[in-house]
Amino acid sequence: MTPSDYKLIPSAFSATPSLDAAGSTTVTAATQPGATLGALGYFVGTTGVVPNGLGVDRDALTRAGFDGAVGQTLILPQPSGPELIAVGAGKADEQNAATLRDAAAAFARAARRAPDIGLIPGEEFALAPDRLGQLITEGVLLARYRYAELKPTSKHSALTSLELIVPDGQVADVAAGIRTGEILAQSANLARDLANTPPSHLTATDFGDVAARLGAAAGLAVEIFDKKQITELGLGGLLGVNAGSIEEPRMIKIVYTPAEASSPAPAHLALVGKGIMYDSGGISLKPSDPMHLAMKMDMAGAGAVLATMIALRALDCPNAVTAFLMCTDNMPSGSAMKLGDVLTIRGGTTVEVKNTDAEGRLVLSDGIVLAGEESPDAIVDIATLTGAALMAFGQRTAAVLGNNQELILQAMSASEATDESIWQLPLERRYRDQLNSDVADMSNMGGKYAGATLAALFLADFVGETPWVHFDIASTMQSDSDDLWRSKGATGFGTRLLIDLACNFVPVK
């Protein structure tokens, strides 16, 4: 789905069609450019033939400062018809899926004023036609994303149509790839919309309502648990974080079952998403700086999981997937949890609260225990968890940790396929004693070093023997500027990665 499919209104999203419905951008494969195009792009590598359609040779491009590097564009205005855009395809021996997605995004940004655009891929990228269609569609739709629901004066030009001009024999295969690219990009843009939404417009209750509507449209089973039910389930971590808020928490369970029964039974993957709708830090109040402002995105993990689940039916995912979204805000008040309080996580583990701003691991621990009770083949959690990950990796790479290297390798394969960069950190168990407590089974904080590893070690205590991977996406939840297909604001990071992982998941030992 695309932003216009679900019009944001105060505190809610309106009813939304499934991903099988047409979005606001029509993407097609054709053999000739349409008559209404405002911009037409051609890929040009650093060497080789310059497409005749551009009407200039390489010497002219070089004099204009264009050398064909990936991400480079040159607009060639025309007296009539669409403006022509040379799009850098890079060096022949470095062209791959990621550079194609980047080049398509660069074209989309260069053509940002045109609602109807076309691209002639040519033969620069030696990829299968369906893969070509998918990657170009992803790059363009991700790059043209804007969150403008609450900005009626926005001058952003929405993209109405994209045409990929290919040889007649490739049209059907490219069209099939376009469909996949649309689903992946629309899912990531849904996650972006959720994370970009102001916290008072998207509470935990609202998030549950959104999940129920979108899940039903996508053929998913959705259960929404309110505060009374959460109490009955013994989700002490979620209740403790919620204690200072006037907004009720929500635990959201979403189940995807493949349409076709298989023998043996399909593999079963469990996903757990951190959904802190706004994180003030609680009593351990955050400083009033730009990071505090960004804490409306502290539910980006849950947003990525929801968007992932919405895509599975449309992509005919062969594996069963169960998701748990742990949603609340974290606010300071007279009823808020205090430093020194002890919470009881589902299953009975007691946790001493040494910092109320280390709240994500508290809600995730409840979710991980719930996930484990489903006896899945593996558990994957995703969370904007630690500033340590941001300090280590910057805004382009997320941390990954886990207890099973085979599963981590599957995560890395999904990362490579989607160009959502991750880097493995050690689950160094020699640090575990830093989480010991004098009054409870464990505490929610360790020492001042290795913060991402300590947070993962906390979660590992609730996983048991189930293969498990943890994504810490605090570093990648937002982009400070437009950067190829990464639009400014919430990135939707992890959505396409999780979709790829879920669809290609193989049980590990």
Protein backbone atom coordinates (compact mmCIF):
# COMPACT_ATOMS: atom_id res chain seq x y z
CA MET A 1 0.00 0.00 0.00
CA THR A 2 1.03 3.59 -0.45
CA PRO A 3 0.52 6.66 1.75
CA SER A 4 -2.62 7.77 -0.08
CA ASP A 5 -4.26 4.36 0.43
CA TYR A 6 -4.87 5.14 4.08
CA LYS A 7 -5.55 8.79 4.81
CA LEU A 8 -4.24 9.74 8.21
CA ILE A 9 -6.80 11.44 10.44
CA PRO A 10 -6.31 12.47 14.08
CA SER A 11 -5.53 9.38 16.15
CA ALA A 12 -6.39 6.87 13.41
CA PHE A 13 -5.80 5.47 9.96
CA SER A 14 -8.90 5.06 7.83
CA ALA A 15 -9.94 1.70 6.40
CA THR A 16 -7.28 0.37 4.09
CA PRO A 17 -7.34 -1.98 1.12
CA SER A 18 -4.98 -4.93 0.97
CA LEU A 19 -1.71 -4.96 -0.93
CA ASP A 20 -3.60 -6.58 -3.79
CA ALA A 21 -5.36 -3.26 -4.39
CA ALA A 22 -3.85 -0.71 -6.75
CA GLY A 23 -1.77 1.97 -5.12
CA SER A 24 -1.59 5.64 -6.04
CA THR A 25 1.34 4.97 -8.38
CA THR A 26 0.78 2.82 -11.45
CA VAL A 27 3.89 0.89 -12.45
CA THR A 28 3.89 -0.86 -15.83
CA ALA A 29 6.21 -2.51 -18.32
CA ALA A 30 5.90 -1.38 -21.94
CA THR A 31 7.78 -1.49 -25.22
CA GLN A 32 7.39 2.22 -26.03
CA PRO A 33 7.27 5.34 -23.83
CA GLY A 34 3.83 6.77 -23.19
CA ALA A 35 2.82 10.14 -24.55
CA THR A 36 2.27 11.80 -21.15
CA LEU A 37 5.70 11.26 -19.62
CA GLY A 38 7.32 14.29 -18.06
CA ALA A 39 10.74 12.65 -17.71
CA LEU A 40 12.47 9.75 -19.42
CA GLY A 41 15.65 8.21 -18.02
CA TYR A 42 18.45 6.20 -19.63
CA PHE A 43 21.11 4.23 -17.78
CA VAL A 44 24.66 5.16 -18.77
CA GLY A 45 27.70 3.33 -17.39
CA THR A 46 31.18 4.75 -16.89
CA THR A 47 32.22 3.07 -20.14
CA GLY A 48 30.46 1.67 -23.17
CA VAL A 49 27.88 2.98 -25.57
CA VAL A 50 25.73 5.99 -24.69
CA PRO A 51 22.05 5.32 -25.61
CA ASN A 52 21.05 7.04 -28.85
CA GLY A 53 17.85 8.26 -27.26
CA LEU A 54 19.75 10.80 -25.17
CA GLY A 55 20.85 12.63 -28.32
CA VAL A 56 24.38 13.31 -26.99
CA ASP A 57 27.66 11.43 -27.04
CA ARG A 58 30.02 10.61 -24.18
CA ASP A 59 32.21 13.63 -24.86
CA ALA A 60 29.22 15.90 -24.37
CA LEU A 61 28.27 14.13 -21.14
CA THR A 62 31.84 14.41 -19.87
CA ARG A 63 31.95 18.15 -20.64
CA ALA A 64 28.77 18.51 -18.60
CA GLY A 65 30.44 16.78 -15.64
CA PHE A 66 28.66 13.44 -16.00
CA ASP A 67 30.88 10.35 -15.85
CA GLY A 68 28.28 7.61 -15.25
CA ALA A 69 28.94 6.94 -11.56
CA VAL A 70 26.08 5.37 -9.61
CA GLY A 71 23.86 8.05 -8.10
CA GLN A 72 24.83 10.65 -10.71
CA THR A 73 22.21 12.19 -12.97
CA LEU A 74 22.17 14.81 -15.71
CA ILE A 75 18.96 16.44 -16.92
CA LEU A 76 18.80 17.31 -20.61
CA PRO A 77 15.86 19.69 -21.17
CA GLN A 78 14.00 19.30 -24.47
CA PRO A 79 11.98 21.84 -26.51
CA SER A 80 9.05 19.42 -26.42
CA GLY A 81 8.22 16.05 -24.92
CA PRO A 82 9.74 14.67 -21.72
CA GLU A 83 12.99 15.95 -20.30
CA LEU A 84 15.73 13.36 -20.79
CA ILE A 85 17.82 12.21 -17.86
CA ALA A 86 21.15 10.41 -18.03
CA VAL A 87 21.36 8.09 -15.01
CA GLY A 88 24.71 6.77 -13.79
CA ALA A 89 24.93 2.97 -13.84
CA GLY A 90 28.52 2.76 -12.55
CA LYS A 91 31.37 0.51 -13.56
CA ALA A 92 30.42 -2.67 -15.41
CA ASP A 93 32.23 -4.95 -12.96
CA GLU A 94 30.54 -3.30 -9.95
CA GLN A 95 26.95 -3.35 -11.17
CA ASN A 96 24.68 -5.46 -8.96
CA ALA A 97 21.25 -5.46 -7.36
CA ALA A 98 22.12 -2.76 -4.83
CA THR A 99 23.62 -0.39 -7.41
CA LEU A 100 20.57 -0.87 -9.66
CA ARG A 101 18.23 0.05 -6.80
CA ASP A 102 20.43 3.07 -6.03
CA ALA A 103 20.51 4.18 -9.67
CA ALA A 104 16.72 3.90 -9.97
CA ALA A 105 16.34 5.99 -6.81
CA ALA A 106 18.72 8.64 -8.18
CA PHE A 107 16.59 8.84 -11.33
CA ALA A 108 13.40 9.20 -9.27
CA ARG A 109 14.89 12.12 -7.32
CA ALA A 110 16.16 13.83 -10.48
CA ALA A 111 12.64 13.53 -11.95
CA ARG A 112 10.96 14.68 -8.72
CA ARG A 113 8.89 17.40 -10.40
CA ALA A 114 7.29 15.01 -12.89
CA PRO A 115 4.23 12.95 -11.87
CA ASP A 116 4.63 10.59 -14.85
CA ILE A 117 8.08 9.17 -15.54
CA GLY A 118 9.67 6.42 -17.59
CA LEU A 119 12.99 4.59 -17.51
CA ILE A 120 14.78 2.64 -20.25
CA PRO A 121 17.11 0.19 -18.46
CA GLY A 122 18.91 -0.93 -21.63
CA GLU A 123 21.52 -3.63 -21.10
CA GLU A 124 23.68 -1.97 -18.44
CA PHE A 125 22.64 -4.37 -15.66
CA ALA A 126 23.01 -8.07 -16.45
CA LEU A 127 20.12 -9.17 -14.25
CA ALA A 128 17.09 -11.35 -14.95
CA PRO A 129 14.12 -9.30 -16.24
CA ASP A 130 11.96 -10.00 -13.19
CA ARG A 131 14.75 -8.95 -10.83
CA LEU A 132 15.29 -5.84 -12.95
CA GLY A 133 11.63 -4.89 -12.65
CA GLN A 134 11.59 -5.48 -8.90
CA LEU A 135 14.70 -3.47 -8.07
CA ILE A 136 13.87 -0.47 -10.24
CA THR A 137 10.35 -0.34 -8.79
CA GLU A 138 11.70 -0.53 -5.24
CA GLY A 139 14.25 2.21 -5.83
CA VAL A 140 11.79 4.60 -7.44
CA LEU A 141 8.89 4.12 -5.01
CA LEU A 142 11.11 4.29 -1.94
CA ALA A 143 12.85 7.44 -3.20
CA ARG A 144 9.62 9.28 -4.05
CA TYR A 145 8.12 8.62 -0.59
CA ARG A 146 7.15 11.64 1.51
CA TYR A 147 5.21 11.85 4.75
CA ALA A 148 2.91 14.77 4.05
CA GLU A 149 -0.35 13.67 5.69
CA LEU A 150 -0.25 16.52 8.22
CA LYS A 151 1.27 19.10 5.87
CA PRO A 152 -1.49 20.29 3.55
CA THR A 153 0.77 23.00 2.13
CA SER A 154 3.36 20.42 0.98
CA LYS A 155 4.72 21.12 -2.51
CA HIS A 156 5.81 17.51 -2.98
CA SER A 157 4.83 16.19 -6.41
CA ALA A 158 3.28 12.76 -5.98
CA LEU A 159 4.34 10.08 -8.44
CA THR A 160 1.39 9.04 -10.60
CA SER A 161 2.97 6.55 -12.98
CA LEU A 162 6.24 4.80 -13.74
CA GLU A 163 6.89 3.02 -17.03
CA LEU A 164 9.75 0.60 -17.60
CA ILE A 165 10.54 0.46 -21.30
CA VAL A 166 11.90 -2.96 -22.21
CA PRO A 167 12.04 -5.30 -25.23
CA ASP A 168 8.79 -7.04 -26.10
CA GLY A 169 10.07 -10.44 -25.00
CA GLN A 170 10.78 -9.16 -21.47
CA VAL A 171 7.51 -7.37 -20.71
CA ALA A 172 5.80 -10.24 -18.86
CA ASP A 173 8.83 -11.06 -16.70
CA VAL A 174 9.52 -7.41 -15.90
CA ALA A 175 5.86 -6.95 -14.98
CA ALA A 176 6.09 -9.88 -12.55
CA GLY A 177 9.12 -8.27 -10.92
CA ILE A 178 7.30 -4.94 -10.74
CA ARG A 179 4.58 -6.58 -8.68
CA THR A 180 7.11 -7.85 -6.14
CA GLY A 181 8.86 -4.48 -6.04
CA GLU A 182 5.55 -2.72 -5.39
CA ILE A 183 4.74 -4.98 -2.44
CA LEU A 184 8.17 -4.53 -0.87
CA ALA A 185 8.28 -0.76 -1.35
CA GLN A 186 4.69 -0.23 -0.23
CA SER A 187 5.33 -2.29 2.90
CA ALA A 188 8.44 -0.28 3.77
CA ASN A 189 6.52 2.94 3.15
CA LEU A 190 3.77 1.74 5.49
CA ALA A 191 6.40 1.21 8.20
CA ARG A 192 7.73 4.70 7.44
CA ASP A 193 4.28 6.24 7.77
CA LEU A 194 3.70 4.55 11.11
CA ALA A 195 7.04 5.72 12.51
CA ASN A 196 6.68 9.25 11.13
CA THR A 197 3.23 9.72 12.68
CA PRO A 198 3.20 12.01 15.74
CA PRO A 199 2.78 10.11 19.02
CA SER A 200 -0.57 11.69 19.92
CA HIS A 201 -1.92 10.63 16.53
CA LEU A 202 -0.83 7.02 16.91
CA THR A 203 -1.19 5.64 20.43
CA ALA A 204 -0.90 1.97 21.34
CA THR A 205 -4.68 1.72 21.05
CA ASP A 206 -4.61 3.30 17.62
CA PHE A 207 -1.82 0.98 16.56
CA GLY A 208 -3.99 -1.97 17.53
CA ASP A 209 -6.85 -0.59 15.46
CA VAL A 210 -4.54 -0.14 12.47
CA ALA A 211 -3.22 -3.69 12.84
CA ALA A 212 -6.73 -5.10 13.03
CA ARG A 213 -7.86 -3.30 9.86
CA LEU A 214 -4.76 -3.93 7.81
CA GLY A 215 -4.43 -7.49 9.05
CA ALA A 216 -7.99 -8.40 8.11
CA ALA A 217 -7.50 -6.94 4.63
CA ALA A 218 -4.30 -8.98 4.23
CA GLY A 219 -5.85 -12.28 5.28
CA LEU A 220 -4.23 -12.44 8.71
CA ALA A 221 -5.59 -13.51 12.09
CA VAL A 222 -5.23 -10.59 14.52
CA GLU A 223 -5.84 -10.56 18.27
CA ILE A 224 -5.69 -7.33 20.27
CA PHE A 225 -5.06 -7.64 24.03
CA ASP A 226 -6.10 -4.72 26.24
CA LYS A 227 -4.72 -3.82 29.68
CA LYS A 228 -6.99 -6.22 31.56
CA GLN A 229 -5.99 -9.10 29.31
CA ILE A 230 -2.32 -8.09 29.47
CA THR A 231 -2.58 -8.23 33.26
CA GLU A 232 -4.15 -11.69 33.09
CA LEU A 233 -1.28 -12.82 30.84
CA GLY A 234 1.24 -11.63 33.42
CA LEU A 235 3.14 -9.35 31.06
CA GLY A 236 4.89 -7.48 33.85
CA GLY A 237 7.46 -5.80 31.63
CA LEU A 238 4.82 -4.23 29.40
CA LEU A 239 2.68 -3.21 32.37
CA GLY A 240 5.65 -1.71 34.19
CA VAL A 241 6.65 0.48 31.25
CA ASN A 242 3.03 1.53 30.80
CA ALA A 243 2.53 2.43 34.47
CA GLY A 244 3.25 6.14 34.01
CA SER A 245 0.97 6.64 31.03
CA ILE A 246 -2.65 7.69 30.72
CA GLU A 247 -2.79 5.61 27.50
CA GLU A 248 -3.54 1.89 27.73
CA PRO A 249 -0.98 -0.61 26.44
CA ARG A 250 -1.69 -3.13 23.73
CA MET A 251 -0.25 -6.53 22.93
CA ILE A 252 -1.00 -7.46 19.35
CA LYS A 253 -0.73 -11.02 18.08
CA ILE A 254 -0.78 -11.55 14.31
CA VAL A 255 -0.79 -14.97 12.66
CA TYR A 256 -0.01 -15.75 9.03
CA THR A 257 -0.72 -19.27 7.79
CA PRO A 258 0.28 -20.25 4.23
CA ALA A 259 -2.67 -20.76 1.93
CA GLU A 260 -1.52 -24.16 0.71
CA ALA A 261 -1.08 -26.93 3.23
CA SER A 262 2.24 -28.69 2.82
CA SER A 263 3.72 -31.94 4.02
CA PRO A 264 5.69 -31.80 6.17
CA ALA A 265 4.20 -28.79 7.94
CA PRO A 266 5.64 -25.39 6.98
CA ALA A 267 8.46 -23.91 8.99
CA HIS A 268 7.31 -21.56 11.75
CA LEU A 269 9.00 -18.24 12.45
CA ALA A 270 8.06 -15.93 15.35
CA LEU A 271 8.63 -12.17 15.15
CA VAL A 272 8.65 -9.82 18.14
CA GLY A 273 8.54 -6.03 17.68
CA LYS A 274 9.22 -3.26 20.18
CA GLY A 275 6.35 -0.77 20.02
CA ILE A 276 7.19 2.11 22.34
CA MET A 277 4.87 4.68 20.80
CA TYR A 278 6.78 7.49 22.50
CA ASP A 279 9.75 7.14 24.81
CA SER A 280 10.30 10.01 27.22
CA GLY A 281 12.68 7.84 29.22
CA GLY A 282 10.19 7.67 32.09
CA ILE A 283 11.62 8.78 35.45
CA SER A 284 15.08 8.49 33.82
CA LEU A 285 13.98 11.38 31.63
CA LYS A 286 15.79 11.90 28.35
CA PRO A 287 17.43 15.28 27.68
CA SER A 288 15.42 17.66 25.50
CA ASP A 289 17.46 17.29 22.34
CA PRO A 290 16.80 16.12 18.76
CA MET A 291 16.95 12.46 19.85
CA HIS A 292 14.06 13.08 22.26
CA LEU A 293 12.04 14.48 19.36
CA ALA A 294 12.75 11.32 17.37
CA MET A 295 11.33 9.08 20.08
CA LYS A 296 8.01 8.94 18.27
CA MET A 297 9.95 6.40 16.16
CA ASP A 298 10.68 4.11 19.10
CA MET A 299 7.94 1.87 17.76
CA ALA A 300 9.79 1.36 14.45
CA GLY A 301 10.43 -2.29 15.27
CA ALA A 302 6.73 -3.00 15.72
CA GLY A 303 6.00 -0.96 12.60
CA ALA A 304 8.44 -3.06 10.58
CA VAL A 305 6.91 -6.29 11.90
CA LEU A 306 3.35 -5.17 11.12
CA ALA A 307 4.36 -4.09 7.61
CA THR A 308 6.15 -7.41 7.12
CA MET A 309 3.08 -9.40 8.11
CA ILE A 310 0.89 -7.40 5.73
CA ALA A 311 3.10 -8.44 2.78
CA LEU A 312 3.28 -12.19 3.38
CA ARG A 313 0.01 -13.25 1.78
CA ALA A 314 0.61 -11.13 -1.31
CA LEU A 315 4.04 -12.74 -1.74
CA ASP A 316 2.77 -16.30 -1.09
CA CYS A 317 5.24 -16.78 1.75
CA PRO A 318 5.63 -20.57 2.24
CA ASN A 319 6.40 -20.34 5.96
CA ALA A 320 4.06 -19.81 8.90
CA VAL A 321 4.77 -16.58 10.81
CA THR A 322 3.44 -15.44 14.19
CA ALA A 323 4.10 -11.88 15.36
CA PHE A 324 3.89 -10.23 18.77
CA LEU A 325 3.82 -6.43 18.92
CA MET A 326 4.44 -4.98 22.38
CA CYS A 327 2.96 -1.49 22.41
CA THR A 328 2.88 1.30 24.99
CA ASP A 329 4.42 4.70 25.59
CA ASN A 330 6.94 5.33 28.36
CA MET A 331 6.00 8.41 30.37
CA PRO A 332 6.94 9.99 33.74
CA SER A 333 4.16 10.55 36.25
CA GLY A 334 3.25 9.81 39.85
CA SER A 335 2.34 6.26 38.88
CA ALA A 336 5.40 5.56 36.71
CA MET A 337 7.77 2.71 37.50
CA LYS A 338 10.68 3.86 39.60
CA LEU A 339 14.34 3.02 39.79
CA GLY A 340 14.60 0.13 42.20
CA ASP A 341 11.17 -1.32 41.35
CA VAL A 342 11.03 -5.03 40.58
CA LEU A 343 8.89 -6.31 37.70
CA THR A 344 7.81 -9.88 37.07
CA ILE A 345 8.10 -10.90 33.43
CA ARG A 346 5.74 -13.53 32.01
CA GLY A 347 7.05 -16.87 33.18
CA GLY A 348 8.14 -15.59 36.59
CA THR A 349 11.57 -13.98 36.07
CA THR A 350 11.95 -10.91 38.27
CA VAL A 351 13.78 -7.83 37.01
CA GLU A 352 15.11 -4.92 39.04
CA VAL A 353 14.68 -1.60 37.22
CA LYS A 354 17.94 0.31 37.38
CA ASN A 355 17.05 2.67 34.53
CA THR A 356 13.52 3.36 33.30
CA ASP A 357 14.92 4.37 29.92
CA ALA A 358 16.06 0.77 29.36
CA GLU A 359 12.40 -0.05 28.76
CA GLY A 360 12.49 -1.72 25.37
CA ARG A 361 14.09 -4.88 26.70
CA LEU A 362 11.34 -5.11 29.35
CA VAL A 363 8.50 -5.21 26.84
CA LEU A 364 10.46 -7.43 24.45
CA SER A 365 11.14 -9.99 27.18
CA ASP A 366 7.40 -10.52 27.63
CA GLY A 367 7.01 -10.84 23.86
CA ILE A 368 9.88 -13.31 23.55
CA VAL A 369 8.40 -15.52 26.26
CA LEU A 370 5.03 -15.47 24.47
CA ALA A 371 6.76 -16.30 21.19
CA GLY A 372 8.61 -19.21 22.77
CA GLU A 373 5.34 -20.67 24.04
CA GLU A 374 4.32 -21.11 20.39
CA SER A 375 7.26 -23.54 19.91
CA PRO A 376 8.47 -21.84 16.72
CA ASP A 377 11.51 -22.99 14.76
CA ALA A 378 13.13 -19.62 15.46
CA ILE A 379 12.46 -16.26 17.09
CA VAL A 380 13.46 -12.92 15.59
CA ASP A 381 13.06 -9.66 17.48
CA ILE A 382 13.58 -6.17 16.12
CA ALA A 383 13.84 -3.02 18.19
CA THR A 384 15.20 0.51 18.33
CA LEU A 385 17.00 -0.66 21.44
CA THR A 386 20.30 1.06 22.24
CA GLY A 387 22.14 4.27 21.56
CA ALA A 388 25.27 2.12 21.67
CA ALA A 389 24.33 0.67 18.27
CA LEU A 390 23.97 4.18 16.86
CA MET A 391 27.34 5.25 18.25
CA ALA A 392 29.01 2.15 16.82
CA PHE A 393 27.51 2.10 13.34
CA GLY A 394 26.03 5.48 12.47
CA GLN A 395 22.76 5.67 10.54
CA ARG A 396 23.42 3.17 7.78
CA THR A 397 24.03 -0.14 9.58
CA ALA A 398 22.09 -2.00 12.28
CA ALA A 399 23.44 -4.45 14.84
CA VAL A 400 22.58 -8.14 14.75
CA LEU A 401 23.21 -10.63 17.55
CA GLY A 402 21.92 -14.08 18.28
CA ASN A 403 22.44 -17.56 19.67
CA ASN A 404 22.58 -19.47 16.38
CA GLN A 405 25.11 -18.68 13.67
CA GLU A 406 23.18 -20.47 10.93
CA LEU A 407 20.18 -18.24 11.61
CA ILE A 408 22.40 -15.15 11.70
CA LEU A 409 23.76 -16.14 8.28
CA GLN A 410 20.19 -16.30 6.96
CA ALA A 411 19.68 -12.79 8.34
CA MET A 412 22.84 -11.63 6.61
CA SER A 413 21.64 -13.13 3.33
CA ALA A 414 18.38 -11.18 3.65
CA SER A 415 20.39 -8.06 4.46
CA GLU A 416 22.44 -8.46 1.29
CA ALA A 417 19.35 -9.06 -0.86
CA THR A 418 17.62 -5.92 0.41
CA ASP A 419 20.69 -3.69 0.98
CA GLU A 420 19.51 -3.10 4.54
CA SER A 421 22.94 -3.28 6.13
CA ILE A 422 23.58 -5.22 9.34
CA TRP A 423 26.76 -6.09 11.23
CA GLN A 424 27.17 -8.87 13.77
CA LEU A 425 28.17 -8.02 17.32
CA PRO A 426 29.26 -10.69 19.81
CA LEU A 427 26.83 -12.13 22.31
CA GLU A 428 29.68 -12.11 24.82
CA ARG A 429 28.37 -14.11 27.77
CA ARG A 430 31.31 -13.15 29.98
CA TYR A 431 29.50 -9.80 30.38
CA ARG A 432 26.30 -11.48 31.65
CA ASP A 433 27.17 -11.04 35.34
CA GLN A 434 26.84 -7.26 34.86
CA LEU A 435 23.08 -7.86 34.72
CA ASN A 436 22.98 -9.51 38.15
CA SER A 437 20.80 -7.98 40.86
CA ASP A 438 20.92 -8.16 44.65
CA VAL A 439 17.12 -8.16 44.97
CA ALA A 440 15.82 -9.85 41.79
CA ASP A 441 16.74 -12.53 39.27
CA MET A 442 18.39 -9.87 37.11
CA SER A 443 18.50 -6.14 36.43
CA ASN A 444 17.68 -4.26 33.24
CA MET A 445 21.03 -2.46 33.08
CA GLY A 446 24.68 -3.49 33.12
CA GLY A 447 27.85 -1.43 32.90
CA LYS A 448 28.42 1.65 30.76
CA TYR A 449 30.25 -0.23 27.98
CA ALA A 450 29.05 -2.74 25.35
CA GLY A 451 25.48 -1.47 25.65
CA ALA A 452 24.13 -3.26 22.58
CA THR A 453 25.62 -6.58 23.69
CA LEU A 454 24.33 -6.20 27.26
CA ALA A 455 20.81 -5.47 25.99
CA ALA A 456 20.94 -8.58 23.82
CA LEU A 457 22.26 -10.64 26.73
CA PHE A 458 19.24 -9.51 28.76
CA LEU A 459 16.90 -10.74 26.01
CA ALA A 460 18.82 -14.00 25.61
CA ASP A 461 17.79 -15.03 29.13
CA PHE A 462 14.17 -15.29 27.91
CA VAL A 463 14.85 -17.17 24.68
CA GLY A 464 15.86 -20.53 26.09
CA GLU A 465 17.19 -22.98 23.50
CA THR A 466 15.15 -21.68 20.57
CA PRO A 467 17.30 -20.33 17.70
CA TRP A 468 17.10 -16.56 17.98
CA VAL A 469 18.26 -13.42 16.22
CA HIS A 470 18.02 -9.87 17.56
CA PHE A 471 18.12 -6.76 15.36
CA ASP A 472 19.01 -3.49 17.12
CA ILE A 473 17.85 -0.83 14.65
CA ALA A 474 18.23 2.27 16.81
CA SER A 475 21.01 3.33 14.43
CA THR A 476 18.96 3.00 11.25
CA MET A 477 15.45 4.07 12.25
CA GLN A 478 15.77 7.47 10.58
CA SER A 479 17.72 9.38 7.97
CA ASP A 480 18.65 13.02 8.45
CA SER A 481 18.49 13.73 4.71
CA ASP A 482 17.34 12.28 1.41
CA ASP A 483 19.88 9.65 0.41
CA LEU A 484 19.05 7.69 -2.75
CA TRP A 485 16.14 5.40 -1.74
CA ARG A 486 16.39 6.42 1.93
CA SER A 487 14.02 9.35 2.27
CA LYS A 488 14.39 11.85 5.09
CA GLY A 489 12.68 10.83 8.31
CA ALA A 490 11.71 7.29 9.25
CA THR A 491 13.39 4.72 7.03
CA GLY A 492 11.16 1.68 7.52
CA PHE A 493 14.41 -0.22 8.04
CA GLY A 494 14.01 -3.93 8.61
CA THR A 495 10.72 -4.33 6.75
CA ARG A 496 12.13 -5.61 3.47
CA LEU A 497 14.82 -7.55 5.35
CA LEU A 498 12.25 -9.33 7.53
CA ILE A 499 10.05 -10.09 4.52
CA ASP A 500 13.00 -11.69 2.74
CA LEU A 501 13.99 -13.61 5.88
CA ALA A 502 10.44 -14.84 6.50
CA CYS A 503 9.89 -15.96 2.90
CA ASN A 504 13.25 -17.77 2.66
CA PHE A 505 13.54 -19.02 6.24
CA VAL A 506 14.84 -22.55 6.70
CA PRO A 507 14.80 -24.16 10.18
CA VAL A 508 18.21 -24.50 11.80
CA LYS A 509 19.63 -26.81 14.45
